[in-house]
Amino acid sequence: MTIAKKISFGFGVTLAILIVIGSLSFVSTIFLMYTNHWVRHTHEVKEDLESLLSLLKDVETGQRGFIVTDDKEYLLPYNVAFPKVDETKKHLRGLIDDNPKQKRALKELDEWMNAHLKFTKETVDTGLTKEPGKGIPAAVEMIKTGKGKELMDKVRVKVQEMESEENTRSEEHTSELQSLRH
């Protein structure tokens, strides 16, 4: 074998090794990007779910602060959080649009949240009304029924279910990708 052939063979082997390494790097990069996408997606969904819980707590805090004190200043968290709920639900709906199971769960969650918001608004409106049979004492009686707590408990359970589903889905995507990688 001549020197030129040996050099050509050496370059060929080196080129083949570089192509293999490049291909493996490319596949690893794609794997990491895909995994990162699902981790980010899961994080966003869970963040929106936690945000919804926090907003509902703020609505409830404002409602109860007002009912306990009969001071409208306590309605500030209520007034700030109430409109943000729909905005957050809309963002969440966009994130889970590709998952029929999560869409069904969000529909149920939406029903519980709407019922909770409606009840909270009714108690605040009752507390603000100065008509006979209404006002703060009537609002206190409404809260004592436990309906708000019951609805909030249902919201919490559904949020936990949706977070769990999101974790499961993320793990499945990662598993699928790892099995393709090997």
C-alpha atoms as a PDB file:
ATOM      1  CA  MET A   1       0.000   0.000   0.000  1.00  0.00           C
ATOM      2  CA  THR A   2       1.409   3.340  -1.009  1.00  0.00           C
ATOM      3  CA  ILE A   3       1.704   6.345   1.262  1.00  0.00           C
ATOM      4  CA  ALA A   4      -1.023   8.159  -0.661  1.00  0.00           C
ATOM      5  CA  LYS A   5      -3.379   5.210  -0.143  1.00  0.00           C
ATOM      6  CA  LYS A   6      -2.473   5.029   3.557  1.00  0.00           C
ATOM      7  CA  ILE A   7      -3.155   8.758   3.954  1.00  0.00           C
ATOM      8  CA  SER A   8      -6.440   8.465   2.032  1.00  0.00           C
ATOM      9  CA  PHE A   9      -7.434   5.470   4.141  1.00  0.00           C
ATOM     10  CA  GLY A  10      -6.582   7.402   7.334  1.00  0.00           C
ATOM     11  CA  PHE A  11      -8.639  10.392   6.181  1.00  0.00           C
ATOM     12  CA  GLY A  12     -11.521   8.080   5.253  1.00  0.00           C
ATOM     13  CA  VAL A  13     -11.515   6.387   8.673  1.00  0.00           C
ATOM     14  CA  THR A  14     -11.277   9.770  10.399  1.00  0.00           C
ATOM     15  CA  LEU A  15     -14.136  11.124   8.289  1.00  0.00           C
ATOM     16  CA  ALA A  16     -16.273   8.064   9.075  1.00  0.00           C
ATOM     17  CA  ILE A  17     -15.609   8.504  12.816  1.00  0.00           C
ATOM     18  CA  LEU A  18     -16.482  12.203  12.597  1.00  0.00           C
ATOM     19  CA  ILE A  19     -19.735  11.394  10.760  1.00  0.00           C
ATOM     20  CA  VAL A  20     -20.699   8.831  13.418  1.00  0.00           C
ATOM     21  CA  ILE A  21     -19.876  11.252  16.249  1.00  0.00           C
ATOM     22  CA  GLY A  22     -21.744  14.053  14.481  1.00  0.00           C
ATOM     23  CA  SER A  23     -24.782  11.832  13.950  1.00  0.00           C
ATOM     24  CA  LEU A  24     -24.810  10.744  17.585  1.00  0.00           C
ATOM     25  CA  SER A  25     -24.470  14.373  18.701  1.00  0.00           C
ATOM     26  CA  PHE A  26     -27.326  15.375  16.428  1.00  0.00           C
ATOM     27  CA  VAL A  27     -29.585  12.611  17.765  1.00  0.00           C
ATOM     28  CA  SER A  28     -28.674  13.537  21.349  1.00  0.00           C
ATOM     29  CA  THR A  29     -29.413  17.194  20.660  1.00  0.00           C
ATOM     30  CA  ILE A  30     -32.816  16.322  19.184  1.00  0.00           C
ATOM     31  CA  PHE A  31     -33.516  14.097  22.202  1.00  0.00           C
ATOM     32  CA  LEU A  32     -32.596  16.888  24.605  1.00  0.00           C
ATOM     33  CA  MET A  33     -34.685  19.458  22.712  1.00  0.00           C
ATOM     34  CA  TYR A  34     -37.715  17.164  22.678  1.00  0.00           C
ATOM     35  CA  THR A  35     -37.331  16.292  26.354  1.00  0.00           C
ATOM     36  CA  ASN A  36     -36.871  19.964  27.198  1.00  0.00           C
ATOM     37  CA  HIS A  37     -40.063  20.780  25.282  1.00  0.00           C
ATOM     38  CA  TRP A  38     -42.102  18.323  27.334  1.00  0.00           C
ATOM     39  CA  VAL A  39     -40.532  19.354  30.622  1.00  0.00           C
ATOM     40  CA  ARG A  40     -41.295  23.005  29.816  1.00  0.00           C
ATOM     41  CA  HIS A  41     -44.823  22.112  28.686  1.00  0.00           C
ATOM     42  CA  THR A  42     -45.486  20.155  31.883  1.00  0.00           C
ATOM     43  CA  HIS A  43     -44.120  23.010  33.955  1.00  0.00           C
ATOM     44  CA  GLU A  44     -46.361  25.539  32.180  1.00  0.00           C
ATOM     45  CA  VAL A  45     -49.484  23.428  32.635  1.00  0.00           C
ATOM     46  CA  LYS A  46     -48.749  22.873  36.317  1.00  0.00           C
ATOM     47  CA  GLU A  47     -47.934  26.562  36.752  1.00  0.00           C
ATOM     48  CA  ASP A  48     -51.306  27.548  35.246  1.00  0.00           C
ATOM     49  CA  LEU A  49     -53.117  25.040  37.458  1.00  0.00           C
ATOM     50  CA  GLU A  50     -51.369  26.396  40.567  1.00  0.00           C
ATOM     51  CA  SER A  51     -52.106  29.929  39.416  1.00  0.00           C
ATOM     52  CA  LEU A  52     -55.796  29.093  39.135  1.00  0.00           C
ATOM     53  CA  LEU A  53     -55.775  27.730  42.677  1.00  0.00           C
ATOM     54  CA  SER A  54     -54.017  30.837  43.926  1.00  0.00           C
ATOM     55  CA  LEU A  55     -56.467  33.126  42.145  1.00  0.00           C
ATOM     56  CA  LEU A  56     -59.427  31.280  43.633  1.00  0.00           C
ATOM     57  CA  LYS A  57     -57.845  31.579  47.075  1.00  0.00           C
ATOM     58  CA  ASP A  58     -57.438  35.325  46.523  1.00  0.00           C
ATOM     59  CA  VAL A  59     -61.084  35.609  45.486  1.00  0.00           C
ATOM     60  CA  GLU A  60     -62.089  33.698  48.602  1.00  0.00           C
ATOM     61  CA  THR A  61     -59.745  35.724  50.838  1.00  0.00           C
ATOM     62  CA  GLY A  62     -61.259  38.984  49.622  1.00  0.00           C
ATOM     63  CA  GLN A  63     -64.767  37.632  50.016  1.00  0.00           C
ATOM     64  CA  ARG A  64     -64.223  36.411  53.570  1.00  0.00           C
ATOM     65  CA  GLY A  65     -62.241  39.485  54.620  1.00  0.00           C
ATOM     66  CA  PHE A  66     -65.098  41.675  53.481  1.00  0.00           C
ATOM     67  CA  ILE A  67     -67.779  39.513  55.100  1.00  0.00           C
ATOM     68  CA  VAL A  68     -65.896  39.370  58.422  1.00  0.00           C
ATOM     69  CA  THR A  69     -65.100  43.091  58.584  1.00  0.00           C
ATOM     70  CA  ASP A  70     -67.843  44.698  56.455  1.00  0.00           C
ATOM     71  CA  ASP A  71     -64.999  46.773  54.987  1.00  0.00           C
ATOM     72  CA  LYS A  72     -64.894  47.029  51.173  1.00  0.00           C
ATOM     73  CA  GLU A  73     -61.108  47.503  51.292  1.00  0.00           C
ATOM     74  CA  TYR A  74     -60.860  43.749  51.851  1.00  0.00           C
ATOM     75  CA  LEU A  75     -62.396  43.154  48.423  1.00  0.00           C
ATOM     76  CA  LEU A  76     -59.159  44.219  46.707  1.00  0.00           C
ATOM     77  CA  PRO A  77     -57.766  40.660  46.241  1.00  0.00           C
ATOM     78  CA  TYR A  78     -61.244  39.567  45.109  1.00  0.00           C
ATOM     79  CA  ASN A  79     -61.460  42.355  42.524  1.00  0.00           C
ATOM     80  CA  VAL A  80     -57.918  41.788  41.228  1.00  0.00           C
ATOM     81  CA  ALA A  81     -58.082  37.988  41.007  1.00  0.00           C
ATOM     82  CA  PHE A  82     -61.619  37.489  39.692  1.00  0.00           C
ATOM     83  CA  PRO A  83     -60.952  38.643  36.089  1.00  0.00           C
ATOM     84  CA  LYS A  84     -57.600  36.854  35.897  1.00  0.00           C
ATOM     85  CA  VAL A  85     -59.223  33.437  36.272  1.00  0.00           C
ATOM     86  CA  ASP A  86     -60.664  33.426  32.734  1.00  0.00           C
ATOM     87  CA  GLU A  87     -57.397  34.648  31.261  1.00  0.00           C
ATOM     88  CA  THR A  88     -55.456  31.847  32.977  1.00  0.00           C
ATOM     89  CA  LYS A  89     -58.017  29.211  31.954  1.00  0.00           C
ATOM     90  CA  LYS A  90     -57.729  30.361  28.344  1.00  0.00           C
ATOM     91  CA  HIS A  91     -53.931  29.989  28.416  1.00  0.00           C
ATOM     92  CA  LEU A  92     -54.226  26.557  30.035  1.00  0.00           C
ATOM     93  CA  ARG A  93     -56.791  25.477  27.452  1.00  0.00           C
ATOM     94  CA  GLY A  94     -54.277  26.318  24.709  1.00  0.00           C
ATOM     95  CA  LEU A  95     -51.574  24.260  26.402  1.00  0.00           C
ATOM     96  CA  ILE A  96     -53.658  21.103  26.754  1.00  0.00           C
ATOM     97  CA  ASP A  97     -55.524  21.345  23.469  1.00  0.00           C
ATOM     98  CA  ASP A  98     -53.691  18.261  22.147  1.00  0.00           C
ATOM     99  CA  ASN A  99     -54.744  16.044  25.053  1.00  0.00           C
ATOM    100  CA  PRO A 100     -58.397  14.858  25.065  1.00  0.00           C
ATOM    101  CA  LYS A 101     -58.133  13.525  28.631  1.00  0.00           C
ATOM    102  CA  GLN A 102     -56.866  16.868  29.960  1.00  0.00           C
ATOM    103  CA  LYS A 103     -59.508  18.742  27.926  1.00  0.00           C
ATOM    104  CA  ARG A 104     -62.251  16.704  29.616  1.00  0.00           C
ATOM    105  CA  ALA A 105     -60.633  17.287  33.005  1.00  0.00           C
ATOM    106  CA  LEU A 106     -60.416  21.033  32.353  1.00  0.00           C
ATOM    107  CA  LYS A 107     -64.079  21.097  31.398  1.00  0.00           C
ATOM    108  CA  GLU A 108     -64.944  19.548  34.767  1.00  0.00           C
ATOM    109  CA  LEU A 109     -62.505  21.827  36.587  1.00  0.00           C
ATOM    110  CA  ASP A 110     -64.031  24.795  34.789  1.00  0.00           C
ATOM    111  CA  GLU A 111     -67.493  23.807  36.059  1.00  0.00           C
ATOM    112  CA  TRP A 112     -66.251  23.618  39.671  1.00  0.00           C
ATOM    113  CA  MET A 113     -64.365  26.902  39.389  1.00  0.00           C
ATOM    114  CA  ASN A 114     -67.352  28.674  37.831  1.00  0.00           C
ATOM    115  CA  ALA A 115     -69.620  27.337  40.576  1.00  0.00           C
ATOM    116  CA  HIS A 116     -67.126  28.514  43.203  1.00  0.00           C
ATOM    117  CA  LEU A 117     -66.820  31.966  41.610  1.00  0.00           C
ATOM    118  CA  LYS A 118     -70.589  32.244  41.299  1.00  0.00           C
ATOM    119  CA  PHE A 119     -71.091  31.327  44.950  1.00  0.00           C
ATOM    120  CA  THR A 120     -68.366  33.737  46.051  1.00  0.00           C
ATOM    121  CA  LYS A 121     -69.895  36.544  43.991  1.00  0.00           C
ATOM    122  CA  GLU A 122     -73.353  35.818  45.413  1.00  0.00           C
ATOM    123  CA  THR A 123     -72.051  36.079  48.973  1.00  0.00           C
ATOM    124  CA  VAL A 124     -70.241  39.348  48.229  1.00  0.00           C
ATOM    125  CA  ASP A 125     -73.298  40.770  46.459  1.00  0.00           C
ATOM    126  CA  THR A 126     -75.467  39.687  49.391  1.00  0.00           C
ATOM    127  CA  GLY A 127     -73.054  41.341  51.826  1.00  0.00           C
ATOM    128  CA  LEU A 128     -73.087  44.558  49.803  1.00  0.00           C
ATOM    129  CA  THR A 129     -76.885  44.687  49.674  1.00  0.00           C
ATOM    130  CA  LYS A 130     -78.578  46.745  52.344  1.00  0.00           C
ATOM    131  CA  GLU A 131     -82.047  45.298  51.683  1.00  0.00           C
ATOM    132  CA  PRO A 132     -83.886  43.522  54.495  1.00  0.00           C
ATOM    133  CA  GLY A 133     -82.843  39.887  54.794  1.00  0.00           C
ATOM    134  CA  LYS A 134     -79.556  40.590  53.009  1.00  0.00           C
ATOM    135  CA  GLY A 135     -76.305  42.221  54.073  1.00  0.00           C
ATOM    136  CA  ILE A 136     -73.424  40.831  56.078  1.00  0.00           C
ATOM    137  CA  PRO A 137     -75.481  38.538  58.359  1.00  0.00           C
ATOM    138  CA  ALA A 138     -77.080  36.821  55.336  1.00  0.00           C
ATOM    139  CA  ALA A 139     -73.669  36.491  53.655  1.00  0.00           C
ATOM    140  CA  VAL A 140     -72.234  34.926  56.833  1.00  0.00           C
ATOM    141  CA  GLU A 141     -75.042  32.360  56.780  1.00  0.00           C
ATOM    142  CA  MET A 142     -74.242  31.567  53.158  1.00  0.00           C
ATOM    143  CA  ILE A 143     -70.603  30.916  54.050  1.00  0.00           C
ATOM    144  CA  LYS A 144     -71.625  28.754  56.998  1.00  0.00           C
ATOM    145  CA  THR A 145     -73.319  26.324  54.604  1.00  0.00           C
ATOM    146  CA  GLY A 146     -69.846  25.090  53.636  1.00  0.00           C
ATOM    147  CA  LYS A 147     -70.689  25.280  49.940  1.00  0.00           C
ATOM    148  CA  GLY A 148     -67.616  27.394  49.150  1.00  0.00           C
ATOM    149  CA  LYS A 149     -65.302  24.962  50.942  1.00  0.00           C
ATOM    150  CA  GLU A 150     -66.928  21.988  49.243  1.00  0.00           C
ATOM    151  CA  LEU A 151     -66.469  23.555  45.808  1.00  0.00           C
ATOM    152  CA  MET A 152     -62.882  24.554  46.551  1.00  0.00           C
ATOM    153  CA  ASP A 153     -62.103  21.001  47.707  1.00  0.00           C
ATOM    154  CA  LYS A 154     -63.421  19.672  44.381  1.00  0.00           C
ATOM    155  CA  VAL A 155     -61.254  22.184  42.520  1.00  0.00           C
ATOM    156  CA  ARG A 156     -58.159  21.081  44.475  1.00  0.00           C
ATOM    157  CA  VAL A 157     -58.787  17.398  43.744  1.00  0.00           C
ATOM    158  CA  LYS A 158     -59.252  18.047  40.021  1.00  0.00           C
ATOM    159  CA  VAL A 159     -56.107  20.202  39.893  1.00  0.00           C
ATOM    160  CA  GLN A 160     -54.114  17.408  41.559  1.00  0.00           C
ATOM    161  CA  GLU A 161     -55.491  14.888  39.049  1.00  0.00           C
ATOM    162  CA  MET A 162     -54.545  17.127  36.137  1.00  0.00           C
ATOM    163  CA  GLU A 163     -51.038  17.716  37.501  1.00  0.00           C
ATOM    164  CA  SER A 164     -50.582  13.969  37.943  1.00  0.00           C
ATOM    165  CA  GLU A 165     -51.759  13.335  34.371  1.00  0.00           C
ATOM    166  CA  GLU A 166     -49.318  15.930  33.093  1.00  0.00           C
ATOM    167  CA  ASN A 167     -46.436  14.281  34.973  1.00  0.00           C
ATOM    168  CA  THR A 168     -47.415  10.866  33.601  1.00  0.00           C
ATOM    169  CA  ARG A 169     -47.610  12.199  30.066  1.00  0.00           C
ATOM    170  CA  SER A 170     -44.216  13.862  30.340  1.00  0.00           C
ATOM    171  CA  GLU A 171     -42.659  10.628  31.645  1.00  0.00           C
ATOM    172  CA  GLU A 172     -44.248   8.676  28.775  1.00  0.00           C
ATOM    173  CA  HIS A 173     -42.787  11.044  26.191  1.00  0.00           C
ATOM    174  CA  THR A 174     -39.351  10.788  27.756  1.00  0.00           C
ATOM    175  CA  SER A 175     -39.611   6.974  27.914  1.00  0.00           C
ATOM    176  CA  GLU A 176     -40.679   6.725  24.278  1.00  0.00           C
ATOM    177  CA  LEU A 177     -37.779   8.848  23.208  1.00  0.00           C
ATOM    178  CA  GLN A 178     -35.280   6.884  25.276  1.00  0.00           C
ATOM    179  CA  SER A 179     -36.499   3.614  23.765  1.00  0.00           C
ATOM    180  CA  LEU A 180     -35.997   5.074  20.270  1.00  0.00           C
ATOM    181  CA  ARG A 181     -32.532   6.222  21.242  1.00  0.00           C
ATOM    182  CA  HIS A 182     -31.343   2.712  22.174  1.00  0.00           C
END
